[in-house]
Amino acid sequence: MINKDNIITLWVGIFVFIGLICTAYLTIRLGKLDWLGPGGYYLTARFESVSGLKSGAFVEMAGVQIGEVESIGLDPGDQVAVVKMMIYPNIQLTDDVIASIKTSGLIGDKYIQISSGGSDTLLQDGDLIFETESAVDLESLISKYVFGGVK
């Protein structure tokens, strides 16, 4: 027999279940987990310096985000920084693009700016971007100016 207590218990259970689903969804979205995201393909670039660049930084082209920095490591042989980037699947880059590390504003976050090229050959998953420009080290420029190293 159905009584009032059973109906209330059923409704409480339904609301708790909906709350758990919403919490799981927000955890995935706010944690930037890509279980439900678009994915993409991966490119690497080698830089002399990636000072200030972090994993998760934006990869932009013409001011539009086209991917993000997946990981940053050091090549022990050449002693250069190796940056792995995830590029959205609907973006196609050619093999003569230039990857530059830029700063958002005067002292903002670092990101990678991709400048387009004119080649017809497209980059594939796992390819290397050959043309790179490292980050400008403002501290060394200021110290050179202050201590008379700039002429």
Protein backbone atom coordinates (compact mmCIF):
# COMPACT_ATOMS: atom_id res chain seq x y z
CA MET A 1 0.00 0.00 0.00
CA ILE A 2 1.26 3.46 -0.88
CA ASN A 3 1.37 5.93 1.96
CA LYS A 4 2.52 9.51 2.28
CA ASP A 5 5.95 8.58 3.74
CA ASN A 6 6.82 6.35 0.76
CA ILE A 7 5.95 9.11 -1.73
CA ILE A 8 8.11 11.65 0.14
CA THR A 9 11.00 9.17 0.27
CA LEU A 10 10.69 8.54 -3.47
CA TRP A 11 10.77 12.27 -4.28
CA VAL A 12 13.77 12.84 -1.99
CA GLY A 13 15.60 10.01 -3.75
CA ILE A 14 14.85 11.48 -7.18
CA PHE A 15 16.15 14.92 -6.13
CA VAL A 16 19.32 13.43 -4.61
CA PHE A 17 19.95 11.47 -7.83
CA ILE A 18 19.48 14.61 -9.99
CA GLY A 19 21.82 16.51 -7.65
CA LEU A 20 24.52 13.85 -8.00
CA ILE A 21 24.27 13.95 -11.80
CA CYS A 22 24.56 17.77 -11.80
CA THR A 23 27.56 17.65 -9.44
CA ALA A 24 29.32 15.09 -11.65
CA TYR A 25 28.66 17.20 -14.77
CA LEU A 26 29.97 20.40 -13.13
CA THR A 27 33.05 18.58 -11.84
CA ILE A 28 33.92 17.43 -15.35
CA ARG A 29 33.25 20.84 -16.93
CA LEU A 30 35.02 22.95 -14.29
CA GLY A 31 37.92 20.49 -14.06
CA LYS A 32 38.43 20.92 -17.81
CA LEU A 33 38.28 17.18 -18.37
CA ASP A 34 37.71 16.42 -22.03
CA TRP A 35 35.49 13.35 -21.67
CA LEU A 36 32.69 15.19 -23.39
CA GLY A 37 34.85 17.72 -25.26
CA PRO A 38 35.83 17.89 -28.92
CA GLY A 39 39.33 16.39 -28.62
CA GLY A 40 41.70 17.18 -31.45
CA TYR A 41 45.14 16.41 -32.80
CA TYR A 42 48.54 17.00 -31.25
CA LEU A 43 51.48 19.07 -32.51
CA THR A 44 54.84 19.76 -30.90
CA ALA A 45 57.12 22.78 -31.09
CA ARG A 46 60.63 23.36 -29.76
CA PHE A 47 61.54 26.66 -28.10
CA GLU A 48 64.76 28.09 -26.66
CA SER A 49 62.74 29.51 -23.74
CA VAL A 50 59.16 29.07 -22.58
CA SER A 51 59.50 31.28 -19.52
CA GLY A 52 56.06 31.76 -17.94
CA LEU A 53 54.16 29.40 -20.26
CA LYS A 54 52.02 26.82 -18.44
CA SER A 55 50.09 23.70 -19.33
CA GLY A 56 46.51 24.63 -20.20
CA ALA A 57 47.53 27.94 -21.80
CA PHE A 58 45.65 28.98 -24.93
CA VAL A 59 46.86 28.41 -28.47
CA GLU A 60 45.50 31.24 -30.62
CA MET A 61 45.40 32.20 -34.27
CA ALA A 62 44.15 35.65 -35.30
CA GLY A 63 42.91 36.20 -31.74
CA VAL A 64 40.74 33.07 -31.75
CA GLN A 65 41.47 30.10 -29.50
CA ILE A 66 42.29 27.05 -31.64
CA GLY A 67 43.68 24.76 -28.95
CA GLU A 68 45.63 24.58 -25.72
CA VAL A 69 49.04 23.64 -24.38
CA GLU A 70 48.94 20.01 -23.30
CA SER A 71 52.40 19.62 -21.74
CA ILE A 72 55.82 21.26 -21.50
CA GLY A 73 59.05 19.31 -21.16
CA LEU A 74 62.79 19.55 -21.69
CA ASP A 75 64.66 17.68 -24.41
CA PRO A 76 67.74 16.47 -22.50
CA GLY A 77 69.81 16.08 -25.66
CA ASP A 78 69.35 19.53 -27.18
CA GLN A 79 68.38 21.24 -23.90
CA VAL A 80 65.42 23.04 -25.46
CA ALA A 81 61.82 23.18 -24.29
CA VAL A 82 59.37 20.88 -26.07
CA VAL A 83 55.74 22.03 -26.02
CA LYS A 84 52.93 19.64 -26.92
CA MET A 85 49.74 21.35 -28.10
CA MET A 86 46.25 20.01 -28.69
CA ILE A 87 44.64 21.67 -31.73
CA TYR A 88 40.88 21.48 -32.24
CA PRO A 89 39.90 18.98 -34.97
CA ASN A 90 38.20 21.54 -37.23
CA ILE A 91 41.41 23.64 -37.50
CA GLN A 92 43.88 22.76 -40.25
CA LEU A 93 47.41 24.19 -40.06
CA THR A 94 50.05 24.12 -42.77
CA ASP A 95 53.63 22.99 -42.29
CA ASP A 96 55.05 26.53 -42.52
CA VAL A 97 53.15 28.12 -39.60
CA ILE A 98 55.10 30.05 -36.98
CA ALA A 99 54.51 29.42 -33.26
CA SER A 100 55.35 32.37 -31.00
CA ILE A 101 55.05 32.74 -27.25
CA LYS A 102 53.21 35.97 -26.46
CA THR A 103 52.03 37.74 -23.33
CA SER A 104 48.43 38.74 -22.77
CA GLY A 105 48.77 42.41 -21.82
CA LEU A 106 51.89 43.87 -20.22
CA ILE A 107 52.33 41.33 -17.43
CA GLY A 108 49.55 38.87 -18.25
CA ASP A 109 49.52 35.14 -18.90
CA LYS A 110 51.61 33.61 -21.66
CA TYR A 111 50.01 31.89 -24.62
CA ILE A 112 51.07 30.54 -28.02
CA GLN A 113 50.25 32.61 -31.10
CA ILE A 114 50.16 30.72 -34.40
CA SER A 115 50.85 32.76 -37.53
CA SER A 116 49.59 31.21 -40.74
CA GLY A 117 51.76 30.25 -43.67
CA GLY A 118 51.16 29.80 -47.36
CA SER A 119 52.02 26.15 -47.90
CA ASP A 120 49.56 23.56 -49.18
CA THR A 121 50.96 20.76 -46.99
CA LEU A 122 48.86 20.22 -43.85
CA LEU A 123 50.26 19.21 -40.46
CA GLN A 124 49.10 15.85 -39.15
CA ASP A 125 48.76 14.42 -35.65
CA GLY A 126 52.22 14.20 -34.02
CA ASP A 127 53.98 16.58 -36.46
CA LEU A 128 56.51 19.22 -35.43
CA ILE A 129 56.20 22.97 -35.96
CA PHE A 130 59.67 23.99 -37.13
CA GLU A 131 59.43 27.80 -37.01
CA THR A 132 59.21 29.12 -33.44
CA GLU A 133 59.84 32.37 -31.56
CA SER A 134 60.63 32.15 -27.86
CA ALA A 135 59.19 34.33 -25.13
CA VAL A 136 60.64 37.81 -24.64
CA ASP A 137 62.33 38.00 -21.24
CA LEU A 138 61.28 41.42 -19.94
CA GLU A 139 63.44 41.13 -16.82
CA SER A 140 66.66 40.73 -18.81
CA LEU A 141 65.71 43.59 -21.14
CA ILE A 142 64.99 45.91 -18.21
CA SER A 143 68.20 44.93 -16.41
CA LYS A 144 70.23 45.56 -19.58
CA TYR A 145 68.65 49.00 -19.88
CA VAL A 146 69.10 49.87 -16.20
CA PHE A 147 72.70 48.66 -15.98
CA GLY A 148 73.78 50.12 -19.32
CA GLY A 149 73.85 47.01 -21.48
CA VAL A 150 71.67 48.57 -24.21
CA LYS A 151 73.36 50.90 -26.68
